[in-house]
N, C-alpha and C. Protein backbone atom coordinates (compact mmCIF):
# COMPACT_ATOMS: atom_id res chain seq x y z
N MET A 1 11.24 -11.01 11.51
CA MET A 1 9.96 -10.36 11.34
C MET A 1 10.06 -8.86 11.55
N PHE A 2 10.94 -8.42 12.40
CA PHE A 2 11.12 -6.99 12.65
C PHE A 2 11.50 -6.26 11.36
N VAL A 3 12.31 -6.88 10.53
CA VAL A 3 12.70 -6.27 9.26
C VAL A 3 11.47 -6.04 8.39
N ASN A 4 10.59 -7.03 8.30
CA ASN A 4 9.37 -6.89 7.51
C ASN A 4 8.49 -5.78 8.06
N GLN A 5 8.37 -5.71 9.37
CA GLN A 5 7.56 -4.65 9.96
C GLN A 5 8.12 -3.29 9.59
N THR A 6 9.41 -3.14 9.67
CA THR A 6 10.05 -1.88 9.34
C THR A 6 9.86 -1.56 7.86
N GLU A 7 10.06 -2.55 7.00
CA GLU A 7 9.93 -2.34 5.57
C GLU A 7 8.49 -1.98 5.19
N SER A 8 7.53 -2.68 5.76
CA SER A 8 6.13 -2.40 5.44
C SER A 8 5.73 -1.02 5.95
N THR A 9 6.21 -0.64 7.12
CA THR A 9 5.92 0.68 7.66
C THR A 9 6.55 1.77 6.79
N LEU A 10 7.76 1.54 6.33
CA LEU A 10 8.41 2.50 5.42
C LEU A 10 7.63 2.62 4.11
N PHE A 11 7.11 1.50 3.63
CA PHE A 11 6.32 1.52 2.41
C PHE A 11 5.05 2.36 2.60
N ILE A 12 4.35 2.14 3.70
CA ILE A 12 3.14 2.91 3.99
C ILE A 12 3.47 4.40 4.08
N GLN A 13 4.54 4.72 4.76
CA GLN A 13 4.95 6.13 4.88
C GLN A 13 5.29 6.71 3.50
N SER A 14 5.94 5.91 2.67
CA SER A 14 6.29 6.37 1.32
C SER A 14 5.04 6.62 0.48
N LEU A 15 4.03 5.76 0.62
CA LEU A 15 2.76 5.98 -0.08
C LEU A 15 2.14 7.31 0.34
N LYS A 16 2.14 7.55 1.63
CA LYS A 16 1.57 8.80 2.14
C LYS A 16 2.35 10.01 1.63
N ASN A 17 3.67 9.89 1.62
CA ASN A 17 4.51 10.98 1.10
C ASN A 17 4.28 11.23 -0.38
N ALA A 18 3.85 10.19 -1.08
CA ALA A 18 3.58 10.30 -2.52
C ALA A 18 2.18 10.84 -2.80
N GLY A 19 1.39 11.08 -1.75
CA GLY A 19 0.07 11.67 -1.95
C GLY A 19 -1.08 10.70 -1.82
N ILE A 20 -0.85 9.54 -1.23
CA ILE A 20 -1.91 8.56 -1.03
C ILE A 20 -2.50 8.74 0.37
N THR A 21 -3.81 8.79 0.44
CA THR A 21 -4.51 8.81 1.72
C THR A 21 -4.94 7.40 2.04
N ILE A 22 -4.71 6.97 3.27
CA ILE A 22 -5.04 5.61 3.69
C ILE A 22 -6.12 5.67 4.76
N HIS A 23 -7.30 5.17 4.43
CA HIS A 23 -8.38 5.14 5.41
C HIS A 23 -8.20 3.90 6.28
N ASN A 24 -8.19 4.11 7.59
CA ASN A 24 -7.97 3.05 8.58
C ASN A 24 -6.50 2.59 8.55
N GLU A 25 -5.62 3.57 8.50
CA GLU A 25 -4.18 3.31 8.38
C GLU A 25 -3.63 2.41 9.49
N ARG A 26 -4.07 2.61 10.71
CA ARG A 26 -3.57 1.81 11.82
C ARG A 26 -3.86 0.33 11.60
N GLU A 27 -5.04 0.03 11.10
CA GLU A 27 -5.42 -1.36 10.80
C GLU A 27 -4.51 -1.93 9.71
N VAL A 28 -4.23 -1.14 8.69
CA VAL A 28 -3.33 -1.59 7.61
C VAL A 28 -1.96 -1.92 8.19
N ILE A 29 -1.41 -1.03 8.98
CA ILE A 29 -0.08 -1.24 9.56
C ILE A 29 -0.06 -2.49 10.44
N GLU A 30 -1.09 -2.67 11.25
CA GLU A 30 -1.15 -3.85 12.12
C GLU A 30 -1.24 -5.14 11.32
N ARG A 31 -2.08 -5.14 10.29
CA ARG A 31 -2.22 -6.35 9.48
C ARG A 31 -0.92 -6.69 8.73
N LEU A 32 -0.24 -5.68 8.24
CA LEU A 32 1.03 -5.94 7.55
C LEU A 32 2.08 -6.45 8.53
N ALA A 33 2.09 -5.90 9.73
CA ALA A 33 3.06 -6.32 10.74
C ALA A 33 2.83 -7.77 11.17
N GLU A 34 1.58 -8.20 11.18
CA GLU A 34 1.25 -9.57 11.60
C GLU A 34 1.51 -10.60 10.50
N SER A 35 1.63 -10.16 9.29
CA SER A 35 1.74 -11.06 8.16
C SER A 35 3.18 -11.54 7.94
N ARG A 36 3.30 -12.80 7.54
CA ARG A 36 4.63 -13.31 7.18
C ARG A 36 5.08 -12.77 5.83
N GLU A 37 4.13 -12.51 4.95
CA GLU A 37 4.43 -11.97 3.61
C GLU A 37 3.63 -10.69 3.42
N TRP A 38 4.23 -9.58 3.83
CA TRP A 38 3.49 -8.33 3.84
C TRP A 38 3.11 -7.83 2.45
N HIS A 39 3.89 -8.17 1.43
CA HIS A 39 3.55 -7.76 0.06
C HIS A 39 2.19 -8.37 -0.33
N TYR A 40 2.04 -9.66 -0.05
CA TYR A 40 0.79 -10.36 -0.36
C TYR A 40 -0.35 -9.77 0.47
N ALA A 41 -0.10 -9.53 1.75
CA ALA A 41 -1.12 -8.97 2.63
C ALA A 41 -1.58 -7.60 2.13
N PHE A 42 -0.62 -6.79 1.69
CA PHE A 42 -0.97 -5.47 1.17
C PHE A 42 -1.84 -5.60 -0.08
N SER A 43 -1.43 -6.45 -1.00
CA SER A 43 -2.20 -6.65 -2.23
C SER A 43 -3.61 -7.14 -1.93
N THR A 44 -3.75 -7.99 -0.94
CA THR A 44 -5.08 -8.48 -0.54
C THR A 44 -5.91 -7.33 0.04
N LEU A 45 -5.30 -6.48 0.85
CA LEU A 45 -6.03 -5.34 1.40
C LEU A 45 -6.46 -4.37 0.30
N VAL A 46 -5.64 -4.21 -0.71
CA VAL A 46 -5.99 -3.35 -1.84
C VAL A 46 -7.24 -3.89 -2.53
N LYS A 47 -7.28 -5.21 -2.73
CA LYS A 47 -8.39 -5.82 -3.45
C LYS A 47 -9.65 -5.97 -2.61
N GLN A 48 -9.50 -6.28 -1.32
CA GLN A 48 -10.66 -6.65 -0.51
C GLN A 48 -10.84 -5.82 0.74
N GLY A 49 -10.04 -4.82 0.94
CA GLY A 49 -10.06 -4.04 2.17
C GLY A 49 -11.33 -3.24 2.42
N LYS A 50 -12.03 -2.85 1.37
CA LYS A 50 -13.22 -2.03 1.56
C LYS A 50 -14.25 -2.71 2.45
N ARG A 51 -14.29 -4.03 2.41
CA ARG A 51 -15.25 -4.78 3.23
C ARG A 51 -15.00 -4.58 4.72
N ILE A 52 -13.76 -4.26 5.08
CA ILE A 52 -13.42 -4.07 6.49
C ILE A 52 -13.01 -2.62 6.78
N GLY A 53 -13.38 -1.72 5.90
CA GLY A 53 -13.17 -0.30 6.14
C GLY A 53 -11.79 0.22 5.80
N ILE A 54 -11.09 -0.47 4.91
CA ILE A 54 -9.76 -0.03 4.47
C ILE A 54 -9.83 0.32 2.99
N TRP A 55 -9.39 1.54 2.68
CA TRP A 55 -9.25 1.89 1.28
C TRP A 55 -8.20 2.97 1.12
N PHE A 56 -7.81 3.18 -0.11
CA PHE A 56 -6.73 4.10 -0.46
C PHE A 56 -7.27 5.11 -1.45
N ALA A 57 -6.85 6.35 -1.31
CA ALA A 57 -7.31 7.41 -2.21
C ALA A 57 -6.11 8.25 -2.65
N ALA A 58 -6.20 8.74 -3.86
CA ALA A 58 -5.12 9.56 -4.42
C ALA A 58 -5.43 11.03 -4.25
N SER A 59 -4.42 11.79 -3.91
CA SER A 59 -4.57 13.24 -3.92
C SER A 59 -4.32 13.72 -5.34
N ALA A 60 -4.55 14.98 -5.57
CA ALA A 60 -4.37 15.54 -6.91
C ALA A 60 -2.91 15.48 -7.37
N LYS A 61 -1.98 15.40 -6.43
CA LYS A 61 -0.57 15.50 -6.81
C LYS A 61 0.08 14.16 -7.17
N ILE A 62 -0.62 13.06 -7.03
CA ILE A 62 -0.02 11.74 -7.27
C ILE A 62 0.24 11.54 -8.78
N ARG A 63 1.35 10.90 -9.08
CA ARG A 63 1.71 10.61 -10.47
C ARG A 63 1.98 9.11 -10.61
N SER A 64 1.56 8.55 -11.71
CA SER A 64 1.71 7.12 -11.98
C SER A 64 3.18 6.69 -11.92
N GLY A 65 4.05 7.48 -12.50
CA GLY A 65 5.47 7.14 -12.50
C GLY A 65 6.05 7.06 -11.10
N GLN A 66 5.56 7.91 -10.24
CA GLN A 66 5.99 7.92 -8.84
C GLN A 66 5.58 6.61 -8.16
N LEU A 67 4.36 6.15 -8.43
CA LEU A 67 3.90 4.88 -7.85
C LEU A 67 4.70 3.70 -8.40
N LYS A 68 4.96 3.68 -9.69
CA LYS A 68 5.73 2.59 -10.30
C LYS A 68 7.11 2.47 -9.62
N LYS A 69 7.76 3.60 -9.44
CA LYS A 69 9.08 3.62 -8.81
C LYS A 69 9.01 3.10 -7.37
N LEU A 70 7.99 3.53 -6.65
CA LEU A 70 7.81 3.12 -5.26
C LEU A 70 7.57 1.62 -5.13
N PHE A 71 6.70 1.08 -5.97
CA PHE A 71 6.42 -0.36 -5.93
C PHE A 71 7.65 -1.17 -6.33
N ALA A 72 8.42 -0.68 -7.28
CA ALA A 72 9.66 -1.36 -7.67
C ALA A 72 10.68 -1.31 -6.53
N GLN A 73 10.80 -0.17 -5.89
CA GLN A 73 11.75 0.00 -4.78
C GLN A 73 11.48 -1.00 -3.65
N PHE A 74 10.20 -1.31 -3.41
CA PHE A 74 9.83 -2.23 -2.34
C PHE A 74 9.58 -3.65 -2.84
N HIS A 75 10.02 -3.93 -4.06
CA HIS A 75 10.06 -5.29 -4.62
C HIS A 75 8.70 -5.98 -4.71
N PHE A 76 7.71 -5.25 -5.19
CA PHE A 76 6.40 -5.86 -5.42
C PHE A 76 6.42 -6.61 -6.75
N SER A 77 5.56 -7.60 -6.87
CA SER A 77 5.47 -8.38 -8.10
C SER A 77 4.89 -7.53 -9.23
N ASN A 78 5.09 -7.97 -10.45
CA ASN A 78 4.55 -7.27 -11.61
C ASN A 78 3.03 -7.21 -11.48
N GLY A 79 2.48 -6.10 -11.80
CA GLY A 79 1.03 -5.94 -11.76
C GLY A 79 0.49 -5.41 -10.44
N ALA A 80 1.26 -5.47 -9.37
CA ALA A 80 0.77 -5.00 -8.07
C ALA A 80 0.49 -3.50 -8.10
N GLU A 81 1.38 -2.74 -8.75
CA GLU A 81 1.20 -1.29 -8.82
C GLU A 81 -0.02 -0.95 -9.66
N ALA A 82 -0.21 -1.64 -10.77
CA ALA A 82 -1.36 -1.37 -11.63
C ALA A 82 -2.67 -1.67 -10.91
N ALA A 83 -2.70 -2.78 -10.16
CA ALA A 83 -3.90 -3.13 -9.39
C ALA A 83 -4.17 -2.08 -8.31
N PHE A 84 -3.10 -1.61 -7.67
CA PHE A 84 -3.25 -0.58 -6.65
C PHE A 84 -3.80 0.70 -7.26
N GLU A 85 -3.19 1.13 -8.35
CA GLU A 85 -3.60 2.37 -9.00
C GLU A 85 -5.05 2.28 -9.47
N ALA A 86 -5.46 1.12 -9.97
CA ALA A 86 -6.84 0.94 -10.42
C ALA A 86 -7.84 1.00 -9.26
N SER A 87 -7.37 0.65 -8.06
CA SER A 87 -8.27 0.63 -6.90
C SER A 87 -8.41 1.98 -6.21
N LEU A 88 -7.57 2.94 -6.58
CA LEU A 88 -7.57 4.23 -5.89
C LEU A 88 -8.88 4.97 -6.08
N GLN A 89 -9.34 5.58 -5.00
CA GLN A 89 -10.52 6.43 -5.06
C GLN A 89 -10.05 7.86 -5.17
N GLY A 90 -10.85 8.67 -5.79
CA GLY A 90 -10.51 10.09 -5.83
C GLY A 90 -10.18 10.61 -7.17
């Protein structure tokens, strides 16, 4: 489980480095750390997180290609990046 926690935390940090703002970041990190399948947990938070005060926003500098590469690097399923990008505020 420690490996998943580290990987999910690296993913969150990579999103931030790519220009994504995460509202209620601590809650996101905790929920991913508690999950057995953090990829699924993240995708669920993207789709339903607003109900519990979690959302993601793009800065002006974010690029779609950058997100695609990041999601591929962390082995997300097909469509996860597109769903994430569609959910971005900003």
